Amino acid sequence: MHRDRSETLLWNRLPIPMASLAAVQSYGPAIPLLQAALAENPSYRDALIELAQCRLALQEPQEAIGPLRKAIALQPEDPEAHFILGSALGKTGQTIEAEKERALAQRYRSASAQ
């Protein structure tokens, strides 16, 4: 995903690179760092997605839904956000909504491939 200059500067200021946290599966320590980034820039789509993925990895799917909905509000045709939201909704038992999100993810992914 493309980051604007302010997001890139913010991302680079995080004390531990997010890629390193994911590689060592340190999802818990990533959460306060991502929350701090979002406190500074609530429209930071990549941090919203990363926060949701951390919550899912920690088996907290309900906590992932809010950040994903915010990411979708920022980029309504984002297939990644819709797909991850579908996963989170499915894990909370919201199967009808989960299927709708997965279908949107597929639709937007197909549209971007053309």
C-alpha atoms as a PDB file:
ATOM      1  CA  MET A   1       0.000   0.000   0.000  1.00  0.00           C
ATOM      2  CA  HIS A   2       1.052   3.544  -0.621  1.00  0.00           C
ATOM      3  CA  ARG A   3       1.867   5.709   2.390  1.00  0.00           C
ATOM      4  CA  ASP A   4       1.908   9.474   2.248  1.00  0.00           C
ATOM      5  CA  ARG A   5       4.974  11.302   3.580  1.00  0.00           C
ATOM      6  CA  SER A   6       3.589  11.874   7.089  1.00  0.00           C
ATOM      7  CA  GLU A   7       2.623   8.202   7.415  1.00  0.00           C
ATOM      8  CA  THR A   8       6.059   7.083   6.250  1.00  0.00           C
ATOM      9  CA  LEU A   9       7.729   9.345   8.804  1.00  0.00           C
ATOM     10  CA  LEU A  10       5.444   8.043  11.541  1.00  0.00           C
ATOM     11  CA  TRP A  11       5.972   4.414  10.526  1.00  0.00           C
ATOM     12  CA  ASN A  12       9.750   4.902  10.572  1.00  0.00           C
ATOM     13  CA  ARG A  13       9.599   6.380  14.088  1.00  0.00           C
ATOM     14  CA  LEU A  14       8.081   3.247  15.613  1.00  0.00           C
ATOM     15  CA  PRO A  15      10.668   1.777  17.996  1.00  0.00           C
ATOM     16  CA  ILE A  16      10.415  -1.716  16.502  1.00  0.00           C
ATOM     17  CA  PRO A  17       9.777  -2.254  12.800  1.00  0.00           C
ATOM     18  CA  MET A  18       6.369  -3.851  12.262  1.00  0.00           C
ATOM     19  CA  ALA A  19       7.861  -6.423   9.890  1.00  0.00           C
ATOM     20  CA  SER A  20      10.165  -7.575  12.700  1.00  0.00           C
ATOM     21  CA  LEU A  21       7.248  -7.915  15.103  1.00  0.00           C
ATOM     22  CA  ALA A  22       5.327 -10.016  12.616  1.00  0.00           C
ATOM     23  CA  ALA A  23       8.340 -12.190  11.892  1.00  0.00           C
ATOM     24  CA  VAL A  24       8.787 -13.071  15.567  1.00  0.00           C
ATOM     25  CA  GLN A  25       5.035 -13.138  16.195  1.00  0.00           C
ATOM     26  CA  SER A  26       5.243 -10.411  18.843  1.00  0.00           C
ATOM     27  CA  TYR A  27       1.692  -9.262  18.290  1.00  0.00           C
ATOM     28  CA  GLY A  28       1.059  -8.136  21.863  1.00  0.00           C
ATOM     29  CA  PRO A  29       3.951  -5.639  21.929  1.00  0.00           C
ATOM     30  CA  ALA A  30       2.873  -4.281  18.547  1.00  0.00           C
ATOM     31  CA  ILE A  31      -0.564  -3.204  19.777  1.00  0.00           C
ATOM     32  CA  PRO A  32       0.479  -0.195  21.896  1.00  0.00           C
ATOM     33  CA  LEU A  33       2.863   0.939  19.150  1.00  0.00           C
ATOM     34  CA  LEU A  34       0.091   0.805  16.578  1.00  0.00           C
ATOM     35  CA  GLN A  35      -2.329   2.515  18.932  1.00  0.00           C
ATOM     36  CA  ALA A  36       0.208   5.311  19.431  1.00  0.00           C
ATOM     37  CA  ALA A  37       0.580   5.684  15.663  1.00  0.00           C
ATOM     38  CA  LEU A  38      -3.202   5.839  15.326  1.00  0.00           C
ATOM     39  CA  ALA A  39      -3.478   8.397  18.122  1.00  0.00           C
ATOM     40  CA  GLU A  40      -1.227  10.634  16.053  1.00  0.00           C
ATOM     41  CA  ASN A  41      -2.941   9.846  12.749  1.00  0.00           C
ATOM     42  CA  PRO A  42      -6.360   8.116  13.064  1.00  0.00           C
ATOM     43  CA  SER A  43      -6.555   7.832   9.256  1.00  0.00           C
ATOM     44  CA  TYR A  44      -3.412   5.699   9.013  1.00  0.00           C
ATOM     45  CA  ARG A  45      -4.835   2.785   7.031  1.00  0.00           C
ATOM     46  CA  ASP A  46      -1.776   0.500   7.277  1.00  0.00           C
ATOM     47  CA  ALA A  47      -1.705   0.812  11.073  1.00  0.00           C
ATOM     48  CA  LEU A  48      -5.434   0.008  11.235  1.00  0.00           C
ATOM     49  CA  ILE A  49      -4.891  -3.156   9.180  1.00  0.00           C
ATOM     50  CA  GLU A  50      -1.840  -4.176  11.215  1.00  0.00           C
ATOM     51  CA  LEU A  51      -3.723  -3.604  14.475  1.00  0.00           C
ATOM     52  CA  ALA A  52      -6.586  -5.790  13.267  1.00  0.00           C
ATOM     53  CA  GLN A  53      -4.188  -8.529  12.188  1.00  0.00           C
ATOM     54  CA  CYS A  54      -2.497  -8.465  15.599  1.00  0.00           C
ATOM     55  CA  ARG A  55      -5.893  -8.799  17.293  1.00  0.00           C
ATOM     56  CA  LEU A  56      -6.766 -11.746  15.080  1.00  0.00           C
ATOM     57  CA  ALA A  57      -3.435 -13.430  15.774  1.00  0.00           C
ATOM     58  CA  LEU A  58      -4.132 -13.027  19.500  1.00  0.00           C
ATOM     59  CA  GLN A  59      -7.553 -14.664  19.048  1.00  0.00           C
ATOM     60  CA  GLU A  60      -9.374 -11.362  19.631  1.00  0.00           C
ATOM     61  CA  PRO A  61     -11.531 -11.155  16.495  1.00  0.00           C
ATOM     62  CA  GLN A  62     -14.111  -8.826  18.045  1.00  0.00           C
ATOM     63  CA  GLU A  63     -11.337  -6.300  18.723  1.00  0.00           C
ATOM     64  CA  ALA A  64     -10.247  -6.491  15.069  1.00  0.00           C
ATOM     65  CA  ILE A  65     -13.609  -5.434  13.646  1.00  0.00           C
ATOM     66  CA  GLY A  66     -13.493  -1.741  14.624  1.00  0.00           C
ATOM     67  CA  PRO A  67     -10.099  -0.976  13.044  1.00  0.00           C
ATOM     68  CA  LEU A  68     -11.108  -2.843   9.902  1.00  0.00           C
ATOM     69  CA  ARG A  69     -14.338  -0.887   9.555  1.00  0.00           C
ATOM     70  CA  LYS A  70     -12.327   2.337   9.925  1.00  0.00           C
ATOM     71  CA  ALA A  71      -9.883   1.173   7.240  1.00  0.00           C
ATOM     72  CA  ILE A  72     -12.805   0.412   4.927  1.00  0.00           C
ATOM     73  CA  ALA A  73     -14.318   3.837   5.610  1.00  0.00           C
ATOM     74  CA  LEU A  74     -11.005   5.326   4.441  1.00  0.00           C
ATOM     75  CA  GLN A  75     -10.702   3.078   1.358  1.00  0.00           C
ATOM     76  CA  PRO A  76     -14.099   1.507   0.615  1.00  0.00           C
ATOM     77  CA  GLU A  77     -12.824  -0.664  -2.233  1.00  0.00           C
ATOM     78  CA  ASP A  78      -9.834  -2.125  -0.348  1.00  0.00           C
ATOM     79  CA  PRO A  79      -9.971  -5.890  -0.956  1.00  0.00           C
ATOM     80  CA  GLU A  80      -7.490  -6.668   1.830  1.00  0.00           C
ATOM     81  CA  ALA A  81      -9.529  -4.891   4.494  1.00  0.00           C
ATOM     82  CA  HIS A  82     -12.766  -6.531   3.340  1.00  0.00           C
ATOM     83  CA  PHE A  83     -11.155  -9.979   3.315  1.00  0.00           C
ATOM     84  CA  ILE A  84      -9.689  -9.604   6.808  1.00  0.00           C
ATOM     85  CA  LEU A  85     -12.997  -8.203   8.079  1.00  0.00           C
ATOM     86  CA  GLY A  86     -14.729 -11.254   6.632  1.00  0.00           C
ATOM     87  CA  SER A  87     -12.350 -13.457   8.584  1.00  0.00           C
ATOM     88  CA  ALA A  88     -12.902 -11.528  11.824  1.00  0.00           C
ATOM     89  CA  LEU A  89     -16.671 -11.591  11.411  1.00  0.00           C
ATOM     90  CA  GLY A  90     -16.599 -15.312  10.686  1.00  0.00           C
ATOM     91  CA  LYS A  91     -14.637 -15.946  13.865  1.00  0.00           C
ATOM     92  CA  THR A  92     -17.263 -14.078  15.873  1.00  0.00           C
ATOM     93  CA  GLY A  93     -20.082 -16.134  14.382  1.00  0.00           C
ATOM     94  CA  GLN A  94     -21.386 -13.406  12.080  1.00  0.00           C
ATOM     95  CA  THR A  95     -21.395 -15.731   9.080  1.00  0.00           C
ATOM     96  CA  ILE A  96     -23.777 -13.804   6.816  1.00  0.00           C
ATOM     97  CA  GLU A  97     -21.815 -10.565   7.237  1.00  0.00           C
ATOM     98  CA  ALA A  98     -18.547 -12.508   6.839  1.00  0.00           C
ATOM     99  CA  GLU A  99     -19.681 -13.893   3.482  1.00  0.00           C
ATOM    100  CA  LYS A 100     -20.723 -10.430   2.308  1.00  0.00           C
ATOM    101  CA  GLU A 101     -17.276  -9.045   3.162  1.00  0.00           C
ATOM    102  CA  ARG A 102     -15.487 -11.920   1.451  1.00  0.00           C
ATOM    103  CA  ALA A 103     -17.624 -11.389  -1.651  1.00  0.00           C
ATOM    104  CA  LEU A 104     -16.748  -7.682  -1.645  1.00  0.00           C
ATOM    105  CA  ALA A 105     -13.064  -8.562  -1.279  1.00  0.00           C
ATOM    106  CA  GLN A 106     -13.274 -10.839  -4.300  1.00  0.00           C
ATOM    107  CA  ARG A 107     -15.189  -8.250  -6.321  1.00  0.00           C
ATOM    108  CA  TYR A 108     -12.690  -5.471  -5.557  1.00  0.00           C
ATOM    109  CA  ARG A 109      -9.713  -7.765  -6.115  1.00  0.00           C
ATOM    110  CA  SER A 110     -11.098  -8.764  -9.517  1.00  0.00           C
ATOM    111  CA  ALA A 111     -11.807  -5.144 -10.423  1.00  0.00           C
ATOM    112  CA  SER A 112      -8.263  -4.074  -9.549  1.00  0.00           C
ATOM    113  CA  ALA A 113      -6.787  -6.898 -11.636  1.00  0.00           C
ATOM    114  CA  GLN A 114      -8.491  -5.660 -14.793  1.00  0.00           C
END
